[in-house]
């Protein structure tokens, strides 16, 4: 049983981008139809789009979720490859969507403090041709 995984995911949005998405409203439904009134679902739709890109990236790398989600785990490292330097709070906030993908795809049980150890300080480097994030996670017993 693998107790550690390292993989690349698409670059998640910054904190400011996530806040802007949370304020947007749309009448467009998830299925492409129209809703009767505008709802603040843009954030959820963009998160789902990110998740689909992340799933595709994991498939290309042949990374599969464990048979059972890890009940306790740690994010060992998060290395961002970005267009422009982000501040530290932006980097930490940008971990939200990748971690949500890990929970939704059943790599880990949850991201609450009961299941996830405190995250490390992410690193970053400018790499405009290959933006993304490399994560290493480890199962804790």
Protein backbone atom coordinates (compact mmCIF):
# COMPACT_ATOMS: atom_id res chain seq x y z
CA UNK A 1 0.00 0.00 0.00
CA UNK A 2 1.42 3.38 -1.01
CA UNK A 3 1.66 5.71 1.96
CA UNK A 4 2.85 8.72 -0.06
CA UNK A 5 1.79 10.23 -3.40
CA UNK A 6 3.29 13.02 -5.51
CA UNK A 7 1.43 14.45 -8.50
CA UNK A 8 0.85 17.59 -10.57
CA UNK A 9 -2.46 19.44 -10.78
CA UNK A 10 -3.58 22.50 -12.72
CA UNK A 11 -2.86 25.89 -11.17
CA UNK A 12 -5.79 26.79 -8.90
CA UNK A 13 -7.15 30.33 -8.77
CA UNK A 14 -5.78 32.85 -6.32
CA UNK A 15 -7.73 33.96 -3.26
CA UNK A 16 -8.82 37.15 -5.02
CA UNK A 17 -10.03 35.16 -8.04
CA UNK A 18 -12.00 32.82 -5.76
CA UNK A 19 -13.60 35.78 -3.97
CA UNK A 20 -14.58 37.33 -7.30
CA UNK A 21 -16.15 34.03 -8.39
CA UNK A 22 -18.11 33.82 -5.13
CA UNK A 23 -19.69 37.23 -5.87
CA UNK A 24 -20.78 36.38 -9.42
CA UNK A 25 -24.31 35.30 -10.18
CA UNK A 26 -25.68 33.55 -13.24
CA UNK A 27 -28.90 32.22 -14.71
CA UNK A 28 -27.03 29.48 -16.57
CA UNK A 29 -27.58 26.04 -15.05
CA UNK A 30 -25.00 23.25 -14.77
CA UNK A 31 -26.68 21.43 -17.67
CA UNK A 32 -26.48 24.47 -19.94
CA UNK A 33 -30.11 25.54 -19.55
CA UNK A 34 -31.48 28.65 -17.90
CA UNK A 35 -32.72 29.15 -14.34
CA UNK A 36 -35.67 31.41 -13.48
CA UNK A 37 -33.53 33.72 -11.34
CA UNK A 38 -29.86 34.46 -10.97
CA UNK A 39 -28.02 32.40 -8.38
CA UNK A 40 -24.46 32.59 -7.00
CA UNK A 41 -23.42 29.24 -8.49
CA UNK A 42 -20.49 30.45 -10.58
CA UNK A 43 -17.97 29.49 -7.86
CA UNK A 44 -19.33 25.93 -7.72
CA UNK A 45 -19.32 25.64 -11.51
CA UNK A 46 -15.71 26.81 -11.75
CA UNK A 47 -14.70 24.42 -8.96
CA UNK A 48 -16.31 21.57 -10.91
CA UNK A 49 -14.41 22.64 -14.04
CA UNK A 50 -11.17 22.65 -12.05
CA UNK A 51 -11.97 19.21 -10.69
CA UNK A 52 -12.44 17.83 -14.21
CA UNK A 53 -9.07 19.27 -15.27
CA UNK A 54 -7.47 17.78 -12.14
CA UNK A 55 -9.01 14.35 -12.82
CA UNK A 56 -7.63 14.45 -16.37
CA UNK A 57 -4.17 15.42 -15.06
CA UNK A 58 -4.22 12.56 -12.55
CA UNK A 59 -5.22 10.08 -15.27
CA UNK A 60 -2.37 11.20 -17.53
CA UNK A 61 0.04 10.62 -14.62
CA UNK A 62 -1.59 7.23 -13.83
CA UNK A 63 -2.29 8.36 -10.26
CA UNK A 64 -5.22 6.53 -8.70
CA UNK A 65 -7.02 7.07 -5.43
CA UNK A 66 -6.39 4.43 -2.77
CA UNK A 67 -8.98 1.68 -2.33
CA UNK A 68 -10.12 3.40 0.86
CA UNK A 69 -9.67 7.14 1.52
CA UNK A 70 -6.86 7.89 3.94
CA UNK A 71 -8.44 8.66 7.34
CA UNK A 72 -5.49 10.77 8.54
CA UNK A 73 -3.14 12.52 6.18
CA UNK A 74 -0.67 15.32 5.70
CA UNK A 75 0.08 17.65 2.83
CA UNK A 76 3.87 17.28 2.86
CA UNK A 77 4.66 19.83 0.17
CA UNK A 78 2.98 22.17 -2.29
CA UNK A 79 5.17 23.64 -5.02
CA UNK A 80 3.42 26.27 -7.14
CA UNK A 81 4.57 27.12 -10.66
CA UNK A 82 3.01 30.52 -11.35
CA UNK A 83 2.92 33.34 -13.92
CA UNK A 84 3.65 36.00 -11.30
CA UNK A 85 4.70 35.78 -7.68
CA UNK A 86 1.86 35.41 -5.16
CA UNK A 87 1.92 36.47 -1.53
CA UNK A 88 1.97 33.81 1.19
CA UNK A 89 -1.71 34.10 2.09
CA UNK A 90 -2.63 33.75 -1.59
CA UNK A 91 -0.59 30.55 -1.82
CA UNK A 92 -2.20 29.03 1.26
CA UNK A 93 -5.70 29.96 0.07
CA UNK A 94 -4.94 28.52 -3.37
CA UNK A 95 -4.59 25.09 -1.77
CA UNK A 96 -8.37 25.00 -1.16
CA UNK A 97 -9.43 23.68 -4.58
CA UNK A 98 -6.68 21.04 -4.94
CA UNK A 99 -7.46 19.75 -1.44
CA UNK A 100 -11.18 19.74 -2.24
CA UNK A 101 -10.39 17.58 -5.28
CA UNK A 102 -8.50 15.12 -3.06
CA UNK A 103 -11.55 14.83 -0.80
CA UNK A 104 -14.10 14.60 -3.63
CA UNK A 105 -12.05 11.97 -5.47
CA UNK A 106 -11.66 9.94 -2.25
CA UNK A 107 -7.89 10.14 -1.89
CA UNK A 108 -8.47 11.37 1.66
CA UNK A 109 -11.44 11.18 4.02
CA UNK A 110 -11.75 14.90 4.72
CA UNK A 111 -9.78 18.12 5.12
CA UNK A 112 -10.92 18.94 8.65
CA UNK A 113 -8.30 19.28 11.42
CA UNK A 114 -9.36 15.83 12.70
CA UNK A 115 -8.18 14.19 9.46
CA UNK A 116 -5.59 16.57 7.99
CA UNK A 117 -2.39 17.66 9.72
CA UNK A 118 -1.55 21.38 9.44
CA UNK A 119 -0.30 22.26 5.95
CA UNK A 120 3.27 23.33 5.24
CA UNK A 121 4.24 26.70 3.82
CA UNK A 122 3.92 26.36 0.05
CA UNK A 123 6.81 27.19 -2.25
CA UNK A 124 6.58 29.02 -5.55
CA UNK A 125 8.62 29.70 -8.63
CA UNK A 126 7.94 31.58 -11.83
CA UNK A 127 7.35 29.14 -14.69
CA UNK A 128 5.03 30.75 -17.24
CA UNK A 129 5.27 27.83 -19.66
CA UNK A 130 4.34 25.15 -17.12
CA UNK A 131 1.97 26.64 -14.52
CA UNK A 132 0.47 24.28 -11.99
CA UNK A 133 1.04 22.81 -8.57
CA UNK A 134 2.95 19.74 -7.45
CA UNK A 135 1.57 18.16 -4.30
CA UNK A 136 2.97 15.46 -2.07
CA UNK A 137 0.61 13.85 0.40
CA UNK A 138 1.32 11.18 3.01
CA UNK A 139 -0.93 8.87 4.96
CA UNK A 140 -0.65 9.19 8.73
CA UNK A 141 -1.43 6.18 10.90
